[in-house]
């Protein structure tokens, strides 16, 4: 069952002393399966591409670029 309030994409920030701070990046989509990182737009900064599952043409699977 979908839970829109659930965290879907998080970042765990390490302060260098193995203490981690959780940052919620996104809630929807709730079915992220993999994450690709590269400089997709060639601006010299790393971009993240979380990818979702689309089990049927009606599930609304999508790719979102941050």
PDB file of N, CA and C in Angstrom:
ATOM      1  N   UNK A   1       0.843  -1.170   0.000  1.00  0.00           N
ATOM      2  CA  UNK A   1       0.000   0.000   0.000  1.00  0.00           C
ATOM      3  C   UNK A   1       0.892   1.238   0.000  1.00  0.00           C
ATOM      4  N   UNK A   2       0.546   2.247  -0.804  1.00  0.00           N
ATOM      5  CA  UNK A   2       1.293   3.497  -0.862  1.00  0.00           C
ATOM      6  C   UNK A   2       1.077   4.304   0.404  1.00  0.00           C
ATOM      7  N   UNK A   3       2.143   4.908   0.884  1.00  0.00           N
ATOM      8  CA  UNK A   3       2.092   5.822   2.020  1.00  0.00           C
ATOM      9  C   UNK A   3       2.818   7.095   1.594  1.00  0.00           C
ATOM     10  N   UNK A   4       2.103   8.090   1.086  1.00  0.00           N
ATOM     11  CA  UNK A   4       2.740   9.304   0.563  1.00  0.00           C
ATOM     12  C   UNK A   4       3.625  10.028   1.573  1.00  0.00           C
ATOM     13  N   UNK A   5       3.361   9.846   2.873  1.00  0.00           N
ATOM     14  CA  UNK A   5       4.170  10.528   3.881  1.00  0.00           C
ATOM     15  C   UNK A   5       5.494   9.810   4.149  1.00  0.00           C
ATOM     16  N   UNK A   6       5.668   8.600   3.621  1.00  0.00           N
ATOM     17  CA  UNK A   6       6.900   7.837   3.829  1.00  0.00           C
ATOM     18  C   UNK A   6       8.063   8.489   3.091  1.00  0.00           C
ATOM     19  N   UNK A   7       9.251   8.384   3.690  1.00  0.00           N
ATOM     20  CA  UNK A   7      10.438   8.910   3.033  1.00  0.00           C
ATOM     21  C   UNK A   7      10.831   7.974   1.911  1.00  0.00           C
ATOM     22  N   UNK A   8      11.063   8.554   0.748  1.00  0.00           N
ATOM     23  CA  UNK A   8      11.380   7.770  -0.432  1.00  0.00           C
ATOM     24  C   UNK A   8      12.850   7.904  -0.815  1.00  0.00           C
ATOM     25  N   UNK A   9      13.429   9.061  -0.533  1.00  0.00           N
ATOM     26  CA  UNK A   9      14.800   9.345  -0.937  1.00  0.00           C
ATOM     27  C   UNK A   9      15.436  10.172   0.172  1.00  0.00           C
ATOM     28  N   UNK A  10      16.431   9.603   0.852  1.00  0.00           N
ATOM     29  CA  UNK A  10      17.068  10.300   1.967  1.00  0.00           C
ATOM     30  C   UNK A  10      18.557  10.447   1.716  1.00  0.00           C
ATOM     31  N   UNK A  11      19.155  11.397   2.426  1.00  0.00           N
ATOM     32  CA  UNK A  11      20.594  11.602   2.402  1.00  0.00           C
ATOM     33  C   UNK A  11      21.058  11.513   3.846  1.00  0.00           C
ATOM     34  N   UNK A  12      22.039  10.661   4.110  1.00  0.00           N
ATOM     35  CA  UNK A  12      22.632  10.554   5.434  1.00  0.00           C
ATOM     36  C   UNK A  12      23.954  11.321   5.418  1.00  0.00           C
ATOM     37  N   UNK A  13      23.974  12.478   6.083  1.00  0.00           N
ATOM     38  CA  UNK A  13      25.155  13.344   6.111  1.00  0.00           C
ATOM     39  C   UNK A  13      26.082  12.903   7.239  1.00  0.00           C
ATOM     40  N   UNK A  14      27.325  12.599   6.897  1.00  0.00           N
ATOM     41  CA  UNK A  14      28.332  12.172   7.864  1.00  0.00           C
ATOM     42  C   UNK A  14      29.147  13.398   8.270  1.00  0.00           C
ATOM     43  N   UNK A  15      29.235  13.659   9.575  1.00  0.00           N
ATOM     44  CA  UNK A  15      29.998  14.815  10.049  1.00  0.00           C
ATOM     45  C   UNK A  15      31.500  14.539  10.120  1.00  0.00           C
ATOM     46  N   UNK A  16      31.945  13.378   9.647  1.00  0.00           N
ATOM     47  CA  UNK A  16      33.353  13.004   9.659  1.00  0.00           C
ATOM     48  C   UNK A  16      33.739  12.220  10.895  1.00  0.00           C
ATOM     49  N   UNK A  17      32.836  12.133  11.859  1.00  0.00           N
ATOM     50  CA  UNK A  17      33.094  11.385  13.092  1.00  0.00           C
ATOM     51  C   UNK A  17      32.108  10.237  13.244  1.00  0.00           C
ATOM     52  N   UNK A  18      31.555   9.800  12.106  1.00  0.00           N
ATOM     53  CA  UNK A  18      30.590   8.697  12.052  1.00  0.00           C
ATOM     54  C   UNK A  18      29.274   9.022  12.761  1.00  0.00           C
ATOM     55  N   UNK A  19      28.958  10.314  12.861  1.00  0.00           N
ATOM     56  CA  UNK A  19      27.638  10.744  13.318  1.00  0.00           C
ATOM     57  C   UNK A  19      26.864  11.161  12.081  1.00  0.00           C
ATOM     58  N   UNK A  20      25.674  10.616  11.910  1.00  0.00           N
ATOM     59  CA  UNK A  20      24.916  10.845  10.696  1.00  0.00           C
ATOM     60  C   UNK A  20      23.649  11.640  10.986  1.00  0.00           C
ATOM     61  N   UNK A  21      23.352  12.583  10.102  1.00  0.00           N
ATOM     62  CA  UNK A  21      22.121  13.355  10.160  1.00  0.00           C
ATOM     63  C   UNK A  21      21.283  12.972   8.963  1.00  0.00           C
ATOM     64  N   UNK A  22      20.048  12.578   9.213  1.00  0.00           N
ATOM     65  CA  UNK A  22      19.140  12.182   8.137  1.00  0.00           C
ATOM     66  C   UNK A  22      18.475  13.415   7.539  1.00  0.00           C
ATOM     67  N   UNK A  23      18.519  13.520   6.213  1.00  0.00           N
ATOM     68  CA  UNK A  23      17.845  14.590   5.477  1.00  0.00           C
ATOM     69  C   UNK A  23      16.852  13.936   4.524  1.00  0.00           C
ATOM     70  N   UNK A  24      15.595  14.307   4.616  1.00  0.00           N
ATOM     71  CA  UNK A  24      14.584  13.802   3.688  1.00  0.00           C
ATOM     72  C   UNK A  24      14.637  14.638   2.416  1.00  0.00           C
ATOM     73  N   UNK A  25      14.936  14.011   1.299  1.00  0.00           N
ATOM     74  CA  UNK A  25      15.031  14.708   0.020  1.00  0.00           C
ATOM     75  C   UNK A  25      13.682  14.698  -0.692  1.00  0.00           C
ATOM     76  N   UNK A  26      12.992  13.568  -0.652  1.00  0.00           N
ATOM     77  CA  UNK A  26      11.709  13.472  -1.358  1.00  0.00           C
ATOM     78  C   UNK A  26      10.825  12.422  -0.707  1.00  0.00           C
ATOM     79  N   UNK A  27       9.534  12.646  -0.796  1.00  0.00           N
ATOM     80  CA  UNK A  27       8.565  11.641  -0.366  1.00  0.00           C
ATOM     81  C   UNK A  27       8.054  10.865  -1.574  1.00  0.00           C
ATOM     82  N   UNK A  28       7.342  11.485  -2.503  1.00  0.00           N
ATOM     83  CA  UNK A  28       6.974  10.723  -3.695  1.00  0.00           C
ATOM     84  C   UNK A  28       8.128  10.778  -4.690  1.00  0.00           C
ATOM     85  N   UNK A  29       8.350   9.853  -5.557  1.00  0.00           N
ATOM     86  CA  UNK A  29       7.633   8.595  -5.666  1.00  0.00           C
ATOM     87  C   UNK A  29       8.057   7.652  -4.551  1.00  0.00           C
ATOM     88  N   UNK A  30       7.240   6.702  -4.233  1.00  0.00           N
ATOM     89  CA  UNK A  30       7.533   5.810  -3.115  1.00  0.00           C
ATOM     90  C   UNK A  30       8.111   4.471  -3.555  1.00  0.00           C
ATOM     91  N   UNK A  31       8.506   4.339  -4.800  1.00  0.00           N
ATOM     92  CA  UNK A  31       9.008   3.059  -5.301  1.00  0.00           C
ATOM     93  C   UNK A  31      10.376   3.205  -5.967  1.00  0.00           C
ATOM     94  N   UNK A  32      11.277   3.989  -5.348  1.00  0.00           N
ATOM     95  CA  UNK A  32      12.617   4.150  -5.909  1.00  0.00           C
ATOM     96  C   UNK A  32      13.395   2.850  -5.723  1.00  0.00           C
ATOM     97  N   UNK A  33      13.965   2.355  -6.819  1.00  0.00           N
ATOM     98  CA  UNK A  33      14.695   1.091  -6.782  1.00  0.00           C
ATOM     99  C   UNK A  33      16.195   1.261  -6.921  1.00  0.00           C
ATOM    100  N   UNK A  34      16.628   2.294  -7.633  1.00  0.00           N
ATOM    101  CA  UNK A  34      18.051   2.458  -7.897  1.00  0.00           C
ATOM    102  C   UNK A  34      18.378   3.940  -7.995  1.00  0.00           C
ATOM    103  N   UNK A  35      19.652   4.262  -7.850  1.00  0.00           N
ATOM    104  CA  UNK A  35      20.101   5.648  -7.919  1.00  0.00           C
ATOM    105  C   UNK A  35      21.354   5.706  -8.776  1.00  0.00           C
ATOM    106  N   UNK A  36      21.337   6.544  -9.774  1.00  0.00           N
ATOM    107  CA  UNK A  36      22.496   6.762 -10.640  1.00  0.00           C
ATOM    108  C   UNK A  36      23.056   8.145 -10.348  1.00  0.00           C
ATOM    109  N   UNK A  37      24.378   8.277 -10.319  1.00  0.00           N
ATOM    110  CA  UNK A  37      25.004   9.581 -10.133  1.00  0.00           C
ATOM    111  C   UNK A  37      25.983   9.832 -11.266  1.00  0.00           C
ATOM    112  N   UNK A  38      25.921  11.039 -11.813  1.00  0.00           N
ATOM    113  CA  UNK A  38      26.811  11.468 -12.892  1.00  0.00           C
ATOM    114  C   UNK A  38      26.580  12.960 -13.110  1.00  0.00           C
ATOM    115  N   UNK A  39      27.416  13.569 -13.887  1.00  0.00           N
ATOM    116  CA  UNK A  39      27.218  14.972 -14.256  1.00  0.00           C
ATOM    117  C   UNK A  39      26.365  15.003 -15.525  1.00  0.00           C
ATOM    118  N   UNK A  40      25.070  14.755 -15.364  1.00  0.00           N
ATOM    119  CA  UNK A  40      24.169  14.616 -16.508  1.00  0.00           C
ATOM    120  C   UNK A  40      24.075  15.892 -17.351  1.00  0.00           C
ATOM    121  N   UNK A  41      24.091  17.061 -16.703  1.00  0.00           N
ATOM    122  CA  UNK A  41      23.920  18.304 -17.460  1.00  0.00           C
ATOM    123  C   UNK A  41      25.233  19.034 -17.725  1.00  0.00           C
ATOM    124  N   UNK A  42      26.354  18.384 -17.447  1.00  0.00           N
ATOM    125  CA  UNK A  42      27.708  18.884 -17.762  1.00  0.00           C
ATOM    126  C   UNK A  42      27.997  20.252 -17.146  1.00  0.00           C
ATOM    127  N   UNK A  43      27.515  20.483 -15.886  1.00  0.00           N
ATOM    128  CA  UNK A  43      27.798  21.750 -15.212  1.00  0.00           C
ATOM    129  C   UNK A  43      28.929  21.629 -14.197  1.00  0.00           C
ATOM    130  N   UNK A  44      29.554  20.449 -14.136  1.00  0.00           N
ATOM    131  CA  UNK A  44      30.659  20.230 -13.216  1.00  0.00           C
ATOM    132  C   UNK A  44      30.228  19.758 -11.837  1.00  0.00           C
ATOM    133  N   UNK A  45      28.939  19.621 -11.602  1.00  0.00           N
ATOM    134  CA  UNK A  45      28.407  19.164 -10.326  1.00  0.00           C
ATOM    135  C   UNK A  45      27.752  17.796 -10.494  1.00  0.00           C
ATOM    136  N   UNK A  46      27.842  16.971  -9.447  1.00  0.00           N
ATOM    137  CA  UNK A  46      27.242  15.642  -9.502  1.00  0.00           C
ATOM    138  C   UNK A  46      25.722  15.750  -9.425  1.00  0.00           C
ATOM    139  N   UNK A  47      25.021  15.070 -10.321  1.00  0.00           N
ATOM    140  CA  UNK A  47      23.561  15.012 -10.336  1.00  0.00           C
ATOM    141  C   UNK A  47      23.132  13.617  -9.915  1.00  0.00           C
ATOM    142  N   UNK A  48      21.941  13.507  -9.354  1.00  0.00           N
ATOM    143  CA  UNK A  48      21.393  12.229  -8.917  1.00  0.00           C
ATOM    144  C   UNK A  48      20.133  11.915  -9.706  1.00  0.00           C
ATOM    145  N   UNK A  49      20.025  10.687 -10.175  1.00  0.00           N
ATOM    146  CA  UNK A  49      18.850  10.242 -10.910  1.00  0.00           C
ATOM    147  C   UNK A  49      18.263   9.017 -10.210  1.00  0.00           C
ATOM    148  N   UNK A  50      17.272   9.237  -9.322  1.00  0.00           N
ATOM    149  CA  UNK A  50      16.590   8.090  -8.719  1.00  0.00           C
ATOM    150  C   UNK A  50      15.617   7.510  -9.726  1.00  0.00           C
ATOM    151  N   UNK A  51      15.571   6.205  -9.833  1.00  0.00           N
ATOM    152  CA  UNK A  51      14.695   5.570 -10.810  1.00  0.00           C
ATOM    153  C   UNK A  51      13.651   4.726 -10.104  1.00  0.00           C
ATOM    154  N   UNK A  52      12.442   4.790 -10.634  1.00  0.00           N
ATOM    155  CA  UNK A  52      11.319   4.077 -10.042  1.00  0.00           C
ATOM    156  C   UNK A  52      10.937   2.887 -10.905  1.00  0.00           C
ATOM    157  N   UNK A  53      10.118   2.023 -10.340  1.00  0.00           N
ATOM    158  CA  UNK A  53       9.639   0.848 -11.064  1.00  0.00           C
ATOM    159  C   UNK A  53       8.312   1.162 -11.720  1.00  0.00           C
ATOM    160  N   UNK A  54       8.141   0.661 -12.891  1.00  0.00           N
ATOM    161  CA  UNK A  54       6.856   0.757 -13.588  1.00  0.00           C
ATOM    162  C   UNK A  54       6.482  -0.668 -13.969  1.00  0.00           C
ATOM    163  N   UNK A  55       5.636  -1.271 -13.146  1.00  0.00           N
ATOM    164  CA  UNK A  55       5.298  -2.672 -13.355  1.00  0.00           C
ATOM    165  C   UNK A  55       4.254  -2.871 -14.442  1.00  0.00           C
ATOM    166  N   UNK A  56       3.505  -1.844 -14.730  1.00  0.00           N
ATOM    167  CA  UNK A  56       2.550  -1.878 -15.830  1.00  0.00           C
ATOM    168  C   UNK A  56       2.467  -0.470 -16.392  1.00  0.00           C
ATOM    169  N   UNK A  57       1.928  -0.289 -17.575  1.00  0.00           N
ATOM    170  CA  UNK A  57       1.849   1.063 -18.137  1.00  0.00           C
ATOM    171  C   UNK A  57       0.950   1.987 -17.327  1.00  0.00           C
ATOM    172  N   UNK A  58       0.235   1.467 -16.350  1.00  0.00           N
ATOM    173  CA  UNK A  58      -0.696   2.283 -15.580  1.00  0.00           C
ATOM    174  C   UNK A  58      -0.179   2.651 -14.211  1.00  0.00           C
ATOM    175  N   UNK A  59       1.031   2.166 -13.844  1.00  0.00           N
ATOM    176  CA  UNK A  59       1.593   2.458 -12.518  1.00  0.00           C
ATOM    177  C   UNK A  59       2.166   3.857 -12.393  1.00  0.00           C
ATOM    178  N   UNK A  60       2.443   4.503 -13.498  1.00  0.00           N
ATOM    179  CA  UNK A  60       2.995   5.863 -13.447  1.00  0.00           C
ATOM    180  C   UNK A  60       4.446   5.911 -13.066  1.00  0.00           C
ATOM    181  N   UNK A  61       5.235   4.868 -13.362  1.00  0.00           N
ATOM    182  CA  UNK A  61       6.665   4.903 -13.104  1.00  0.00           C
ATOM    183  C   UNK A  61       7.290   6.100 -13.792  1.00  0.00           C
ATOM    184  N   UNK A  62       8.324   6.656 -13.155  1.00  0.00           N
ATOM    185  CA  UNK A  62       8.920   7.863 -13.723  1.00  0.00           C
ATOM    186  C   UNK A  62      10.369   7.974 -13.301  1.00  0.00           C
ATOM    187  N   UNK A  63      11.122   8.800 -14.008  1.00  0.00           N
ATOM    188  CA  UNK A  63      12.473   9.168 -13.625  1.00  0.00           C
ATOM    189  C   UNK A  63      12.443  10.636 -13.227  1.00  0.00           C
ATOM    190  N   UNK A  64      13.085  10.967 -12.115  1.00  0.00           N
ATOM    191  CA  UNK A  64      13.136  12.333 -11.641  1.00  0.00           C
ATOM    192  C   UNK A  64      14.582  12.707 -11.436  1.00  0.00           C
ATOM    193  N   UNK A  65      15.018  13.829 -11.988  1.00  0.00           N
ATOM    194  CA  UNK A  65      16.400  14.267 -11.906  1.00  0.00           C
ATOM    195  C   UNK A  65      16.508  15.403 -10.908  1.00  0.00           C
ATOM    196  N   UNK A  66      17.406  15.224  -9.895  1.00  0.00           N
ATOM    197  CA  UNK A  66      17.695  16.294  -8.958  1.00  0.00           C
ATOM    198  C   UNK A  66      19.032  16.888  -9.288  1.00  0.00           C
TER     199      UNK A  66
END
